[in-house]
Amino acid sequence: MPSDTVVSPASAVAPARVIATDAEARAAARAFAETVRPHAAQIDADRRIPIEIVDAFSATGLWAITIPREYGGAEVSHATLADVIATVSAVEPSLGQIPQNHFCLVEDIRLSGTPQQKEFFFGLVLSGARFANAFSEAGGKNVAEIQTRLVHDGDEVVVTGSKFYSTGSAYAHWIPVLAVDEDGLEQLVFTERDSDGLTVVDDWSAFGQRATSSGSVVLEGLRVPADRVFPMHTEYENPTIAGPFAQLTTAAIDLGIARGAIRETHDAVRVARPWIDSGVDSAAKDPLTLERLGRLDIDLAAAEALTEKAGEAIDTAKPAADEANVAAASIAVARAKVLTTELSLEASTRLLELGGTRATLGAKALDRYWRNARVHTLHDPVRWKPVIIGDYALNGTLPARHSWI
């Protein structure tokens, strides 16, 4: 799509399979990812994902795997959710990222919705509907400041403002909007993407995660029924898994980028020429190369283990979300987030180093791994996490309650 253009109307909701088990979810992710692999470089070049691929993704049923069992979903473990996201992200991380906020929104509904809201919106997801987000804004003193406003008008609310970083907005059927009401309280407003007063603009120009459609959503007198409003201001009043849940989904994307970069490195080394001083006839026998690959393998195993453990910690906290359990989950996820961030950047750099000059040729587009890692790991500054982890380990200080820890 050309830049700075209004995005065309949403595609129709296509029927989706209903996944019943964790094993089904992991298998479906692996099978779907392989269908995308041949298209990954072109997706990056085009800065968009063909809607047919997005529709095929939601038709797998993977977008509904966290729906609670009582509402007809699989309610898979958080370790399985992370693996599903990582599996898709290993092939095409823009595609892995577009359902990330969708999963977080499903969790928001679980935490804050009325029984009627849960019945309605969980039913939409099970039928194949996709959520994007209109949370963040480009202005404001920090990421938490929201300037979009909501005003009550009878049995409706009216929303006005402008959003950015609206990941997945071009591919969504519904776009929940975060706004502040007359009392200064944050509210989450679910609206259909093609609603009057809502415009999705294709102005995402980052050099990585190019196809996420993370640009602008403009809200001009958007009218929404009041029964589609969720009280987001209550979500962190008490301990919940909302924060570690959101962080786990971002760590899983970085884990996937690392997986994909390491796989590409293996493929590149197998056909690379050995260095003249190595004394071997194949780059795959070069001891310096093998040492680098060995360290990547060690770090990947550690990142996989920490991510799995983080998912298990959220599973523990979910039914008993007290301060201690939620803090333990946040710290477990933070550990995984630090390592997956570092590994995605390291692995994507080593891909180009060990693959040699031919790995930089445009047709291969292998630089996309580093570009994607660099952009996605800017989501929140991982440099803060060791400080929080250390304070927890030494002083018993509990992490803050918000979406970034």
Protein backbone atom coordinates (compact mmCIF):
# COMPACT_ATOMS: atom_id res chain seq x y z
CA MET A 1 0.00 0.00 0.00
CA PRO A 2 1.21 3.55 -0.61
CA SER A 3 2.19 5.41 2.55
CA ASP A 4 -0.13 7.88 4.28
CA THR A 5 -3.30 6.46 2.74
CA VAL A 6 -6.58 5.48 4.29
CA VAL A 7 -6.84 1.72 4.63
CA SER A 8 -9.62 -0.06 2.73
CA PRO A 9 -12.60 -1.59 4.59
CA ALA A 10 -12.15 -4.70 6.71
CA SER A 11 -12.47 -8.13 5.15
CA ALA A 12 -15.46 -10.27 6.05
CA VAL A 13 -15.14 -12.55 9.07
CA ALA A 14 -14.36 -16.04 7.79
CA PRO A 15 -15.32 -19.15 9.79
CA ALA A 16 -12.56 -20.42 12.06
CA ARG A 17 -11.71 -23.85 13.37
CA VAL A 18 -12.18 -24.30 17.12
CA ILE A 19 -9.03 -25.71 18.71
CA ALA A 20 -9.57 -27.87 21.79
CA THR A 21 -6.12 -28.69 23.21
CA ASP A 22 -2.61 -27.35 23.69
CA ALA A 23 -1.21 -30.03 21.40
CA GLU A 24 -3.63 -29.01 18.63
CA ALA A 25 -2.60 -25.38 19.01
CA ARG A 26 1.12 -26.08 18.77
CA ALA A 27 0.64 -28.37 15.77
CA ALA A 28 -1.61 -25.85 14.00
CA ALA A 29 1.00 -23.11 14.50
CA ARG A 30 3.76 -25.27 13.02
CA ALA A 31 1.65 -26.24 10.01
CA PHE A 32 0.52 -22.68 9.33
CA ALA A 33 4.02 -21.23 9.70
CA GLU A 34 5.35 -23.53 6.99
CA THR A 35 2.74 -22.23 4.54
CA VAL A 36 3.98 -18.68 5.17
CA ARG A 37 7.73 -19.37 4.91
CA PRO A 38 7.94 -18.98 1.09
CA HIS A 39 6.28 -15.54 1.32
CA ALA A 40 8.24 -14.04 4.24
CA ALA A 41 10.80 -12.00 2.29
CA GLN A 42 8.12 -10.61 -0.03
CA ILE A 43 5.93 -9.61 2.92
CA ASP A 44 8.85 -7.61 4.28
CA ALA A 45 9.51 -6.00 0.89
CA ASP A 46 5.85 -5.12 0.33
CA ARG A 47 5.35 -3.82 3.88
CA ARG A 48 2.03 -5.65 4.04
CA ILE A 49 0.67 -9.12 4.61
CA PRO A 50 -1.75 -10.34 1.94
CA ILE A 51 -5.18 -10.46 3.52
CA GLU A 52 -5.53 -14.04 2.30
CA ILE A 53 -2.66 -15.04 4.61
CA VAL A 54 -4.17 -13.16 7.55
CA ASP A 55 -7.55 -14.80 6.91
CA ALA A 56 -5.87 -18.20 6.73
CA PHE A 57 -4.17 -17.45 10.05
CA SER A 58 -7.42 -16.69 11.86
CA ALA A 59 -9.13 -19.64 10.15
CA THR A 60 -6.68 -21.96 11.94
CA GLY A 61 -8.44 -21.13 15.20
CA LEU A 62 -5.20 -19.94 16.80
CA TRP A 63 -6.58 -16.47 17.54
CA ALA A 64 -9.13 -18.03 19.91
CA ILE A 65 -6.89 -20.39 21.91
CA THR A 66 -7.00 -18.30 25.10
CA ILE A 67 -10.80 -18.11 25.28
CA PRO A 68 -11.90 -19.62 28.64
CA ARG A 69 -13.23 -23.17 28.48
CA GLU A 70 -16.55 -22.11 29.98
CA TYR A 71 -17.11 -19.98 26.87
CA GLY A 72 -16.10 -22.69 24.40
CA GLY A 73 -12.37 -22.05 24.05
CA ALA A 74 -9.29 -24.17 24.65
CA GLU A 75 -7.85 -21.86 27.34
CA VAL A 76 -4.37 -23.15 26.53
CA SER A 77 -1.46 -22.76 28.92
CA HIS A 78 0.58 -19.59 28.69
CA ALA A 79 3.63 -21.62 27.70
CA THR A 80 1.65 -22.91 24.72
CA LEU A 81 0.53 -19.39 23.84
CA ALA A 82 4.15 -18.22 23.86
CA ASP A 83 5.22 -21.15 21.70
CA VAL A 84 2.46 -20.46 19.16
CA ILE A 85 3.51 -16.81 18.86
CA ALA A 86 7.20 -17.75 18.63
CA THR A 87 6.53 -20.41 15.99
CA VAL A 88 4.80 -17.94 13.67
CA SER A 89 7.29 -15.16 14.47
CA ALA A 90 10.22 -17.41 13.56
CA VAL A 91 8.96 -17.35 9.98
CA GLU A 92 7.45 -13.84 9.75
CA PRO A 93 7.46 -11.74 12.95
CA SER A 94 5.09 -9.08 11.63
CA LEU A 95 2.56 -11.87 11.27
CA GLY A 96 3.47 -13.08 14.75
CA GLN A 97 2.93 -9.61 16.19
CA ILE A 98 -0.47 -8.71 14.75
CA PRO A 99 -2.41 -11.09 17.07
CA GLN A 100 -0.31 -10.11 20.10
CA ASN A 101 -2.60 -7.27 21.18
CA HIS A 102 -5.59 -9.39 20.16
CA PHE A 103 -4.58 -11.94 22.81
CA CYS A 104 -4.07 -9.15 25.35
CA LEU A 105 -7.53 -7.80 24.57
CA VAL A 106 -9.08 -11.23 25.06
CA GLU A 107 -7.40 -11.22 28.48
CA ASP A 108 -8.78 -7.71 29.16
CA ILE A 109 -12.27 -9.00 28.41
CA ARG A 110 -11.73 -11.94 30.77
CA LEU A 111 -10.57 -9.63 33.56
CA SER A 112 -12.92 -6.66 33.13
CA GLY A 113 -15.95 -7.73 31.12
CA THR A 114 -19.46 -8.43 32.32
CA PRO A 115 -20.87 -11.91 31.64
CA GLN A 116 -22.84 -10.45 28.73
CA GLN A 117 -19.76 -8.76 27.26
CA LYS A 118 -17.74 -11.96 27.60
CA GLU A 119 -20.44 -14.01 25.89
CA PHE A 120 -20.64 -11.56 22.99
CA PHE A 121 -16.97 -10.84 22.37
CA PHE A 122 -15.64 -14.34 23.06
CA GLY A 123 -18.25 -15.58 20.59
CA LEU A 124 -16.94 -13.14 17.99
CA VAL A 125 -13.38 -14.40 18.44
CA LEU A 126 -14.41 -18.05 18.23
CA SER A 127 -16.18 -17.24 14.96
CA GLY A 128 -12.98 -15.76 13.47
CA ALA A 129 -13.08 -12.05 14.36
CA ARG A 130 -9.76 -10.24 14.84
CA PHE A 131 -9.03 -7.41 17.28
CA ALA A 132 -6.32 -4.80 16.81
CA ASN A 133 -5.64 -1.93 19.18
CA ALA A 134 -5.71 1.83 19.43
CA PHE A 135 -3.97 2.31 22.77
CA SER A 136 -0.75 4.30 22.43
CA GLU A 137 -0.29 7.85 21.23
CA ALA A 138 2.67 9.62 19.68
CA GLY A 139 2.33 12.66 21.97
CA GLY A 140 2.24 12.88 25.73
CA LYS A 141 4.93 13.06 28.38
CA ASN A 142 5.30 9.26 28.49
CA VAL A 143 3.79 6.07 27.12
CA ALA A 144 1.09 5.98 29.81
CA GLU A 145 -0.38 9.41 29.10
CA ILE A 146 -3.60 9.20 27.08
CA GLN A 147 -5.05 12.33 25.46
CA THR A 148 -7.95 10.69 23.58
CA ARG A 149 -11.22 11.68 25.23
CA LEU A 150 -14.52 9.90 25.84
CA VAL A 151 -17.78 11.71 26.61
CA HIS A 152 -21.01 9.99 27.63
CA ASP A 153 -24.08 10.89 25.58
CA GLY A 154 -27.16 8.94 26.62
CA ASP A 155 -26.69 5.25 25.90
CA GLU A 156 -23.61 5.98 23.77
CA VAL A 157 -20.11 7.31 24.25
CA VAL A 158 -18.37 9.72 21.87
CA VAL A 159 -14.63 9.32 21.35
CA THR A 160 -12.24 11.87 19.85
CA GLY A 161 -8.47 11.65 19.49
CA SER A 162 -5.57 10.26 17.50
CA LYS A 163 -3.60 7.05 18.05
CA PHE A 164 -0.32 5.65 16.80
CA TYR A 165 1.44 2.26 17.09
CA SER A 166 -1.97 0.71 16.35
CA THR A 167 -0.61 -2.73 15.52
CA GLY A 168 -2.78 -4.87 13.29
CA SER A 169 -5.30 -2.14 12.56
CA ALA A 170 -5.34 -2.71 8.79
CA TYR A 171 -6.16 -6.39 9.27
CA ALA A 172 -8.69 -6.17 12.11
CA HIS A 173 -12.46 -6.46 12.27
CA TRP A 174 -12.66 -4.62 15.61
CA ILE A 175 -10.41 -1.89 17.04
CA PRO A 176 -10.63 -1.30 20.80
CA VAL A 177 -9.75 2.29 21.70
CA LEU A 178 -8.25 3.45 25.01
CA ALA A 179 -9.68 6.79 26.10
CA VAL A 180 -10.08 8.92 29.22
CA ASP A 181 -13.60 9.84 30.36
CA GLU A 182 -15.01 12.98 32.01
CA ASP A 183 -13.78 11.80 35.42
CA GLY A 184 -10.23 11.16 34.23
CA LEU A 185 -10.69 7.37 34.22
CA GLU A 186 -9.34 5.14 31.47
CA GLN A 187 -11.98 3.26 29.48
CA LEU A 188 -11.57 0.70 26.69
CA VAL A 189 -14.09 1.12 23.88
CA PHE A 190 -14.66 -1.75 21.44
CA THR A 191 -15.78 -0.62 18.00
CA GLU A 192 -15.96 -2.18 14.56
CA ARG A 193 -13.14 -1.08 12.28
CA ASP A 194 -15.47 0.29 9.63
CA SER A 195 -17.40 2.49 12.09
CA ASP A 196 -18.18 6.07 11.08
CA GLY A 197 -15.70 8.37 12.80
CA LEU A 198 -12.81 5.88 12.79
CA THR A 199 -10.10 6.03 10.14
CA VAL A 200 -7.11 3.69 9.83
CA VAL A 201 -4.15 5.38 8.12
CA ASP A 202 -1.26 3.49 6.52
CA ASP A 203 1.61 5.63 7.82
CA TRP A 204 3.82 3.05 9.56
CA SER A 205 7.35 3.63 8.24
CA ALA A 206 9.66 1.76 10.64
CA PHE A 207 12.58 -0.12 9.06
CA GLY A 208 11.60 -3.34 10.83
CA GLN A 209 8.31 -5.10 11.60
CA ARG A 210 7.26 -3.37 8.41
CA ALA A 211 4.02 -5.26 7.82
CA THR A 212 2.44 -4.86 11.27
CA SER A 213 0.24 -1.92 10.27
CA SER A 214 1.26 -0.08 13.44
CA GLY A 215 0.41 3.41 12.26
CA SER A 216 -2.38 5.88 12.97
CA VAL A 217 -6.01 5.50 13.93
CA VAL A 218 -7.94 8.78 13.87
CA LEU A 219 -11.12 9.14 15.93
CA GLU A 220 -13.47 11.99 15.03
CA GLY A 221 -16.70 11.93 17.01
CA LEU A 222 -16.77 8.13 17.03
CA ARG A 223 -20.07 6.95 18.55
CA VAL A 224 -20.16 3.58 20.31
CA PRO A 225 -22.89 1.89 22.40
CA ALA A 226 -22.09 2.20 26.10
CA ASP A 227 -22.33 -1.57 26.59
CA ARG A 228 -19.11 -1.92 24.57
CA VAL A 229 -17.08 0.02 27.13
CA PHE A 230 -14.74 -1.75 29.58
CA PRO A 231 -13.37 -0.09 32.77
CA MET A 232 -9.63 -0.33 32.10
CA HIS A 233 -8.89 1.85 35.13
CA THR A 234 -9.76 -1.11 37.38
CA GLU A 235 -7.43 -3.62 35.75
CA TYR A 236 -4.39 -2.81 37.89
CA GLU A 237 -6.16 -1.76 41.08
CA ASN A 238 -5.66 -5.31 42.33
CA PRO A 239 -3.05 -7.90 41.34
CA THR A 240 -3.84 -9.49 37.96
CA ILE A 241 -1.82 -11.31 35.32
CA ALA A 242 -2.46 -8.56 32.75
CA GLY A 243 1.10 -7.18 32.97
CA PRO A 244 3.07 -10.44 32.78
CA PHE A 245 0.64 -11.73 30.15
CA ALA A 246 1.34 -8.76 27.87
CA GLN A 247 5.08 -9.02 28.43
CA LEU A 248 5.13 -12.75 27.70
CA THR A 249 3.55 -12.19 24.30
CA THR A 250 6.24 -9.65 23.38
CA ALA A 251 9.05 -11.92 24.63
CA ALA A 252 7.63 -14.72 22.48
CA ILE A 253 7.99 -12.60 19.34
CA ASP A 254 11.66 -11.96 20.12
CA LEU A 255 12.17 -15.66 20.84
CA GLY A 256 10.68 -16.42 17.44
CA ILE A 257 12.98 -13.96 15.68
CA ALA A 258 15.95 -15.65 17.37
CA ARG A 259 14.73 -19.10 16.31
CA GLY A 260 14.31 -17.96 12.73
CA ALA A 261 17.68 -16.21 12.57
CA ILE A 262 19.50 -19.26 13.94
CA ARG A 263 17.79 -21.54 11.44
CA GLU A 264 18.79 -19.19 8.61
CA THR A 265 22.36 -19.09 9.97
CA HIS A 266 22.61 -22.87 9.81
CA ASP A 267 21.34 -22.84 6.22
CA ALA A 268 23.77 -20.06 5.25
CA VAL A 269 26.82 -21.72 6.85
CA ARG A 270 26.13 -25.02 5.07
CA VAL A 271 26.67 -23.34 1.70
CA ALA A 272 29.24 -20.70 2.71
CA ARG A 273 32.88 -20.94 1.65
CA PRO A 274 35.46 -21.57 4.38
CA TRP A 275 37.90 -18.82 5.22
CA ILE A 276 41.30 -19.18 3.57
CA ASP A 277 43.18 -19.63 6.87
CA SER A 278 40.77 -22.12 8.43
CA GLY A 279 42.43 -25.24 7.04
CA VAL A 280 39.06 -26.88 6.37
CA ASP A 281 37.15 -27.52 3.17
CA SER A 282 33.76 -26.44 4.45
CA ALA A 283 32.53 -23.48 6.49
CA ALA A 284 30.48 -26.00 8.45
CA LYS A 285 33.76 -27.43 9.82
CA ASP A 286 35.34 -24.09 10.77
CA PRO A 287 35.94 -24.27 14.55
CA LEU A 288 35.44 -20.54 15.03
CA THR A 289 32.09 -20.75 13.28
CA LEU A 290 31.12 -23.81 15.30
CA GLU A 291 31.98 -21.99 18.52
CA ARG A 292 29.68 -19.12 17.57
CA LEU A 293 26.89 -21.53 16.66
CA GLY A 294 27.38 -23.47 19.87
CA ARG A 295 26.95 -20.35 21.96
CA LEU A 296 23.82 -19.42 20.05
CA ASP A 297 22.44 -22.90 20.70
CA ILE A 298 23.18 -22.57 24.43
CA ASP A 299 21.50 -19.18 24.60
CA LEU A 300 18.49 -20.39 22.61
CA ALA A 301 18.01 -23.35 24.95
CA ALA A 302 18.17 -20.97 27.91
CA ALA A 303 15.70 -18.55 26.31
CA GLU A 304 13.29 -21.38 25.51
CA ALA A 305 13.51 -22.65 29.09
CA LEU A 306 12.99 -19.22 30.66
CA THR A 307 10.02 -18.53 28.39
CA GLU A 308 8.46 -21.89 29.26
CA LYS A 309 9.02 -21.21 32.96
CA ALA A 310 7.52 -17.73 32.61
CA GLY A 311 4.39 -19.23 31.08
CA GLU A 312 4.14 -21.69 33.95
CA ALA A 313 4.46 -18.85 36.47
CA ILE A 314 1.51 -17.07 34.85
CA ASP A 315 -0.46 -20.33 34.91
CA THR A 316 0.19 -20.49 38.66
CA ALA A 317 -0.84 -16.87 39.24
CA LYS A 318 -3.98 -16.91 37.09
CA PRO A 319 -6.33 -18.75 39.49
CA ALA A 320 -4.75 -17.20 42.59
CA ALA A 321 -3.73 -13.70 41.55
CA ASP A 322 -2.36 -12.31 44.80
CA GLU A 323 0.56 -9.91 45.15
CA ALA A 324 3.15 -12.65 45.63
CA ASN A 325 2.07 -14.83 42.70
CA VAL A 326 1.67 -11.95 40.27
CA ALA A 327 5.04 -10.50 41.27
CA ALA A 328 6.69 -13.90 40.78
CA ALA A 329 5.08 -14.14 37.34
CA SER A 330 6.22 -10.64 36.38
CA ILE A 331 9.79 -11.41 37.43
CA ALA A 332 9.81 -14.74 35.60
CA VAL A 333 8.61 -13.05 32.42
CA ALA A 334 11.13 -10.22 32.86
CA ARG A 335 13.97 -12.75 33.00
CA ALA A 336 12.76 -14.29 29.75
CA LYS A 337 12.27 -10.87 28.16
CA VAL A 338 15.86 -9.83 28.88
CA LEU A 339 17.32 -12.96 27.34
CA THR A 340 15.00 -13.11 24.32
CA THR A 341 15.76 -9.45 23.57
CA GLU A 342 19.51 -9.99 23.73
CA LEU A 343 19.37 -13.23 21.76
CA SER A 344 17.19 -11.89 18.94
CA LEU A 345 19.70 -9.09 18.36
CA GLU A 346 22.74 -11.34 18.73
CA ALA A 347 21.41 -14.15 16.52
CA SER A 348 20.32 -11.78 13.74
CA THR A 349 23.76 -10.14 13.80
CA ARG A 350 25.60 -13.49 13.71
CA LEU A 351 23.45 -14.55 10.76
CA LEU A 352 25.04 -11.85 8.63
CA GLU A 353 28.53 -12.39 10.05
CA LEU A 354 28.63 -16.17 9.61
CA GLY A 355 26.65 -16.19 6.38
CA GLY A 356 29.28 -13.97 4.80
CA THR A 357 28.92 -11.35 2.12
CA ARG A 358 26.42 -13.40 0.12
CA ALA A 359 24.08 -13.27 3.13
CA THR A 360 23.72 -9.53 2.53
CA LEU A 361 22.42 -9.87 -1.03
CA GLY A 362 19.09 -8.19 -1.54
CA ALA A 363 17.27 -11.22 -2.92
CA LYS A 364 17.73 -13.07 0.36
CA ALA A 365 16.58 -10.14 2.53
CA LEU A 366 18.28 -11.73 5.54
CA ASP A 367 18.82 -8.30 7.03
CA ARG A 368 15.12 -8.38 7.89
CA TYR A 369 15.88 -10.51 10.95
CA TRP A 370 18.08 -7.81 12.48
CA ARG A 371 15.73 -5.01 11.42
CA ASN A 372 12.76 -6.81 12.92
CA ALA A 373 14.63 -7.60 16.14
CA ARG A 374 15.91 -4.06 16.52
CA VAL A 375 12.50 -2.48 16.03
CA HIS A 376 10.47 -4.94 18.07
CA THR A 377 12.83 -4.92 21.05
CA LEU A 378 12.24 -1.17 21.36
CA HIS A 379 8.67 -1.95 22.48
CA ASP A 380 9.73 -1.25 26.06
CA PRO A 381 13.26 -0.61 27.37
CA VAL A 382 14.60 -3.95 28.53
CA ARG A 383 17.44 -2.16 30.33
CA TRP A 384 15.02 -1.49 33.18
CA LYS A 385 14.26 -5.14 33.77
CA PRO A 386 17.55 -6.25 35.41
CA VAL A 387 17.12 -3.37 37.88
CA ILE A 388 13.62 -4.57 38.78
CA ILE A 389 14.76 -8.21 38.96
CA GLY A 390 17.72 -7.29 41.18
CA ASP A 391 15.57 -5.19 43.51
CA TYR A 392 13.12 -8.08 43.83
CA ALA A 393 15.88 -10.65 44.43
CA LEU A 394 17.84 -8.58 46.97
CA ASN A 395 15.24 -6.42 48.67
CA GLY A 396 11.97 -8.22 48.02
CA THR A 397 10.60 -5.15 46.22
CA LEU A 398 7.52 -6.07 44.20
CA PRO A 399 7.38 -4.82 40.60
CA ALA A 400 4.89 -2.14 39.64
CA ARG A 401 1.50 -3.10 38.25
CA HIS A 402 1.29 -2.05 34.61
CA SER A 403 1.59 -3.48 31.11
CA TRP A 404 5.39 -3.13 30.88
CA ILE A 405 6.49 -5.56 33.60
